[in-house]
Protein backbone atom coordinates (compact mmCIF):
# COMPACT_ATOMS: atom_id res chain seq x y z
CA MET A 1 -12.35 24.89 12.22
CA TRP A 2 -9.78 22.17 12.81
CA SER A 3 -11.76 20.81 15.76
CA GLN A 4 -14.24 19.54 13.17
CA PHE A 5 -11.55 17.20 11.86
CA SER A 6 -10.37 15.84 15.21
CA ASP A 7 -12.13 12.51 14.72
CA LEU A 8 -10.68 12.05 11.23
CA ALA A 9 -7.21 13.07 12.42
CA ALA A 10 -7.38 10.60 15.32
CA ALA A 11 -8.62 7.78 13.08
CA THR A 12 -5.94 8.44 10.47
CA ALA A 13 -3.24 8.55 13.15
CA ALA A 14 -4.49 5.26 14.59
CA PHE A 15 -4.48 3.64 11.16
CA VAL A 16 -1.01 4.90 10.18
CA PHE A 17 0.89 4.64 13.46
CA GLY A 18 -0.99 1.54 14.55
CA HIS A 19 0.46 -0.25 11.54
CA LEU A 20 3.99 0.94 12.21
CA ILE A 21 4.04 0.52 15.98
CA LEU A 22 2.35 -2.87 16.21
CA SER A 23 4.60 -4.29 13.50
CA SER A 24 7.82 -2.84 14.93
CA GLY A 25 10.34 -5.38 16.15
CA ALA A 26 10.15 -4.56 19.85
CA VAL A 27 6.37 -4.32 20.16
CA ARG A 28 5.59 -7.19 17.82
CA GLY A 29 8.11 -9.48 19.48
CA GLN A 30 6.63 -8.94 22.94
CA LEU A 31 3.08 -9.41 21.75
CA VAL A 32 3.91 -12.58 19.80
CA GLU A 33 5.67 -13.97 22.86
CA ARG A 34 2.59 -13.38 24.99
CA LEU A 35 -0.16 -14.17 22.49
CA GLY A 36 1.44 -16.49 19.95
CA GLU A 37 1.93 -15.78 16.23
CA ALA A 38 -1.57 -16.78 15.06
CA ARG A 39 -3.42 -14.85 17.74
CA PHE A 40 -1.25 -11.76 17.23
CA ARG A 41 -1.94 -11.77 13.48
CA GLY A 42 -5.65 -12.13 14.12
CA LEU A 43 -5.77 -9.26 16.60
CA TYR A 44 -3.53 -7.13 14.39
CA SER A 45 -5.85 -7.67 11.42
CA LEU A 46 -8.89 -6.77 13.51
CA PHE A 47 -7.23 -3.58 14.72
CA VAL A 48 -6.27 -2.55 11.18
CA LEU A 49 -9.76 -3.21 9.84
CA ALA A 50 -11.37 -1.33 12.74
CA ALA A 51 -9.04 1.66 12.30
CA PHE A 52 -9.66 1.67 8.55
CA ALA A 53 -13.45 1.58 9.03
CA TRP A 54 -13.22 4.37 11.63
CA MET A 55 -11.13 6.46 9.24
CA LEU A 56 -13.60 6.04 6.36
CA LEU A 57 -16.61 6.87 8.55
CA ALA A 58 -14.84 9.94 9.96
CA TYR A 59 -13.97 11.03 6.42
CA ARG A 60 -17.58 10.78 5.31
CA ALA A 61 -18.72 12.77 8.34
CA ALA A 62 -16.09 15.50 8.02
CA PRO A 63 -17.24 18.86 6.62
CA TYR A 64 -16.02 20.09 3.26
CA VAL A 65 -13.42 22.79 3.77
CA GLU A 66 -11.58 23.89 0.65
CA LEU A 67 -7.83 24.37 1.01
CA TRP A 68 -7.15 24.99 -2.67
CA LEU A 69 -9.05 24.75 -5.95
CA PRO A 70 -7.50 22.10 -8.21
CA PRO A 71 -7.63 22.89 -11.95
CA ASP A 72 -10.13 20.87 -13.97
CA TRP A 73 -7.40 18.85 -15.70
CA THR A 74 -6.25 17.35 -12.38
CA ARG A 75 -9.30 15.09 -12.35
CA TRP A 76 -7.51 12.98 -14.96
CA ILE A 77 -4.55 12.34 -12.67
CA PRO A 78 -6.26 9.71 -10.46
CA ILE A 79 -7.86 8.12 -13.52
CA VAL A 80 -4.44 7.69 -15.14
CA LEU A 81 -2.61 6.61 -11.98
CA LEU A 82 -5.31 4.11 -11.04
CA LEU A 83 -4.40 1.84 -13.95
CA PRO A 84 -0.82 1.04 -12.83
CA ALA A 85 -2.10 1.00 -9.25
CA CYS A 86 -4.59 -1.77 -10.09
CA LEU A 87 -1.96 -3.77 -11.97
CA LEU A 88 0.51 -3.48 -9.10
CA LEU A 89 -2.18 -4.24 -6.53
CA VAL A 90 -3.21 -7.49 -8.20
CA GLY A 91 0.40 -8.51 -8.79
CA GLY A 92 1.35 -7.66 -5.24
CA VAL A 93 -1.31 -9.78 -3.59
CA THR A 94 -1.30 -12.78 -5.96
CA GLN A 95 2.42 -13.59 -6.05
CA ARG A 96 4.54 -14.72 -3.15
CA SER A 97 6.96 -12.11 -1.88
CA PRO A 98 9.42 -11.84 1.01
CA THR A 99 7.84 -8.49 1.91
CA LEU A 100 4.36 -9.95 2.40
CA VAL A 101 3.09 -11.65 5.52
CA GLY A 102 4.45 -15.18 5.65
CA GLY A 103 7.03 -14.56 2.94
CA GLU A 104 10.01 -14.57 5.27
CA ALA A 105 10.16 -18.35 5.61
CA ALA A 106 10.11 -18.87 1.85
CA ALA A 107 12.88 -16.30 1.35
CA ARG A 108 14.95 -17.84 4.13
CA ASP A 109 14.59 -21.32 2.62
CA GLY A 110 15.49 -20.08 -0.86
CA VAL A 111 12.09 -21.00 -2.30
CA LEU A 112 11.46 -17.55 -3.76
CA ALA A 113 13.41 -16.23 -6.73
CA PRO A 114 14.24 -12.65 -5.64
CA ALA A 115 13.25 -10.96 -8.91
CA ALA A 116 10.56 -13.24 -10.31
CA GLY A 117 7.29 -11.94 -11.73
CA PHE A 118 6.08 -8.71 -10.20
CA GLN A 119 9.04 -8.73 -7.83
CA SER A 120 11.17 -7.75 -10.83
CA ILE A 121 9.08 -4.55 -11.01
CA SER A 122 9.10 -3.80 -7.28
CA ARG A 123 9.37 -5.73 -4.05
CA HIS A 124 6.59 -3.50 -2.68
CA CYS A 125 3.93 -3.68 -5.39
CA PHE A 126 0.99 -3.36 -2.99
CA LEU A 127 2.36 -0.30 -1.20
CA ASN A 128 3.28 1.34 -4.51
CA ALA A 129 -0.32 0.79 -5.59
CA THR A 130 -1.73 2.52 -2.50
CA ALA A 131 0.81 5.33 -2.88
CA LEU A 132 -0.25 5.96 -6.49
CA TRP A 133 -3.90 5.96 -5.44
CA ALA A 134 -3.21 8.49 -2.69
CA ILE A 135 -1.10 10.76 -4.93
CA GLY A 136 -3.79 10.81 -7.59
CA HIS A 137 -6.49 11.77 -5.13
CA LEU A 138 -4.33 14.38 -3.41
CA ALA A 139 -3.79 16.04 -6.78
CA ALA A 140 -7.48 16.11 -7.67
CA ASN A 141 -9.01 17.00 -4.29
CA GLY A 142 -8.31 20.28 -2.54
CA ASP A 143 -10.36 19.85 0.64
CA ALA A 144 -9.03 19.35 4.16
CA ALA A 145 -10.63 15.95 4.77
CA SER A 146 -9.15 14.48 1.59
CA ALA A 147 -5.74 15.92 2.47
CA LEU A 148 -5.86 14.18 5.86
CA LEU A 149 -7.08 10.84 4.53
CA MET A 150 -4.98 10.63 1.36
CA GLY A 151 -1.97 12.14 3.08
CA GLY A 152 -2.16 9.53 5.82
CA ILE A 153 -2.36 6.67 3.34
CA LEU A 154 0.57 8.10 1.37
CA VAL A 155 2.69 8.44 4.51
CA LEU A 156 1.88 4.87 5.52
CA SER A 157 2.65 3.57 2.02
CA VAL A 158 6.06 5.23 1.81
CA ALA A 159 7.06 4.68 5.43
CA GLY A 160 5.78 1.12 5.24
CA MET A 161 8.23 0.22 2.48
CA TRP A 162 11.17 1.42 4.55
CA HIS A 163 9.75 -0.16 7.72
CA ILE A 164 9.28 -3.57 6.11
CA ASP A 165 12.76 -3.48 4.59
CA GLN A 166 14.30 -2.78 7.99
CA ARG A 167 12.38 -5.63 9.61
CA ARG A 168 13.26 -8.09 6.85
CA ALA A 169 16.94 -7.13 7.01
CA ARG A 170 16.96 -8.01 10.71
CA SER A 171 14.90 -11.20 10.46
CA LEU A 172 16.35 -12.66 7.25
CA GLY A 173 19.99 -11.65 7.60
CA ALA A 174 22.05 -12.88 4.64
CA ALA A 175 18.93 -14.14 2.84
CA TRP A 176 17.78 -10.54 2.47
CA GLY A 177 20.86 -9.57 0.46
CA PRO A 178 19.79 -11.10 -2.89
CA VAL A 179 16.37 -9.50 -2.55
CA VAL A 180 17.81 -6.00 -2.08
CA LEU A 181 20.37 -6.47 -4.84
CA THR A 182 17.90 -7.57 -7.51
CA THR A 183 14.73 -5.66 -6.59
CA SER A 184 13.76 -2.08 -5.78
CA ARG A 185 11.19 -0.16 -3.79
CA LEU A 186 10.28 2.09 -6.71
CA PRO A 187 8.77 0.33 -9.73
CA PHE A 188 11.28 -0.58 -12.48
CA LEU A 189 14.21 1.11 -10.71
CA ALA A 190 16.21 -2.12 -10.35
CA ALA A 191 15.66 -2.92 -14.04
CA LEU A 192 16.69 0.60 -15.10
CA GLN A 193 19.83 0.27 -12.99
CA GLY A 194 20.66 -3.07 -14.62
CA ARG A 195 20.26 -5.06 -11.40
CA CYS A 196 17.56 -7.31 -12.87
CA ARG A 197 15.45 -7.90 -15.97
CA VAL A 198 11.71 -7.46 -15.85
CA ASP A 199 10.26 -10.97 -15.78
CA TRP A 200 7.42 -10.32 -18.23
CA ARG A 201 6.64 -14.02 -18.59
CA GLY A 202 6.50 -14.42 -14.83
CA LEU A 203 3.75 -11.81 -14.63
CA GLY A 204 1.38 -14.28 -16.25
CA TRP A 205 -1.52 -13.30 -18.48
CA TRP A 206 -4.36 -13.42 -15.98
CA ARG A 207 -2.87 -11.02 -13.42
CA PRO A 208 -2.67 -8.06 -15.83
CA LEU A 209 -6.12 -9.00 -17.12
CA LEU A 210 -7.50 -9.07 -13.59
CA GLY A 211 -5.89 -5.69 -12.96
CA LEU A 212 -7.63 -4.26 -16.02
CA VAL A 213 -10.97 -5.71 -14.89
CA LEU A 214 -10.49 -4.18 -11.43
CA TYR A 215 -9.66 -0.84 -13.04
CA ALA A 216 -12.81 -0.92 -15.16
CA LEU A 217 -14.96 -1.88 -12.16
CA LEU A 218 -13.59 0.94 -10.02
CA ILE A 219 -14.05 3.51 -12.79
CA GLY A 220 -17.60 2.32 -13.38
CA ALA A 221 -18.57 2.07 -9.72
CA HIS A 222 -17.09 5.38 -8.61
CA PRO A 223 -20.05 7.61 -9.55
CA HIS A 224 -22.41 5.29 -7.65
CA LEU A 225 -20.20 4.94 -4.56
CA ILE A 226 -18.87 8.49 -4.28
CA GLY A 227 -21.35 10.45 -6.36
CA VAL A 228 -18.90 11.94 -8.84
CA ALA A 229 -17.43 10.60 -12.07
CA GLY A 230 -13.81 9.59 -12.25
CA LEU A 231 -11.59 8.70 -9.32
């Protein structure tokens, strides 16, 4: 049976470990030295997109094999978790952050306030968003293909936070200290621990609004894209 999922397993492994290996200090440093920063980023992006497309195509082609039967109420889990995921996703990609590509220079120069805007919620908003999406779908889907796909994305999301933190600690040195002290990987943990205050004003009004619009679009489009209601 598992031979039917070999293509999906290979694609998921390429997507997950390709991210981690290519961005590791040793491998990335050698490739940047040979190719240059701009060319490396371009090739890295192409590889990630190709691996992601391969993974999605393999998922669609994989047979349905039930591992467990989720109760009916679990279908609400991804619907509920998608809302904070959309808000974190929009915030994570629309505000500058030392954990995003190109954010190191701004953090090193002191341009970024460590806990401003969505950074006061988490320094890894984007990866928290993908983790919530994966958790919701793992809870609501009991088939083998979904377990491989969602499990891979969850592993990459969680491992990616740790991986990025380790790289930034090495590359930024002392400039990384204020970021770690005033932000957290998990949403709101730094605020709950009293290490920062949530910068509600810094979130802006249009980012939460855009997150809500994205949420509504995904909920509405899901039956047409996937064939079932909900997410």
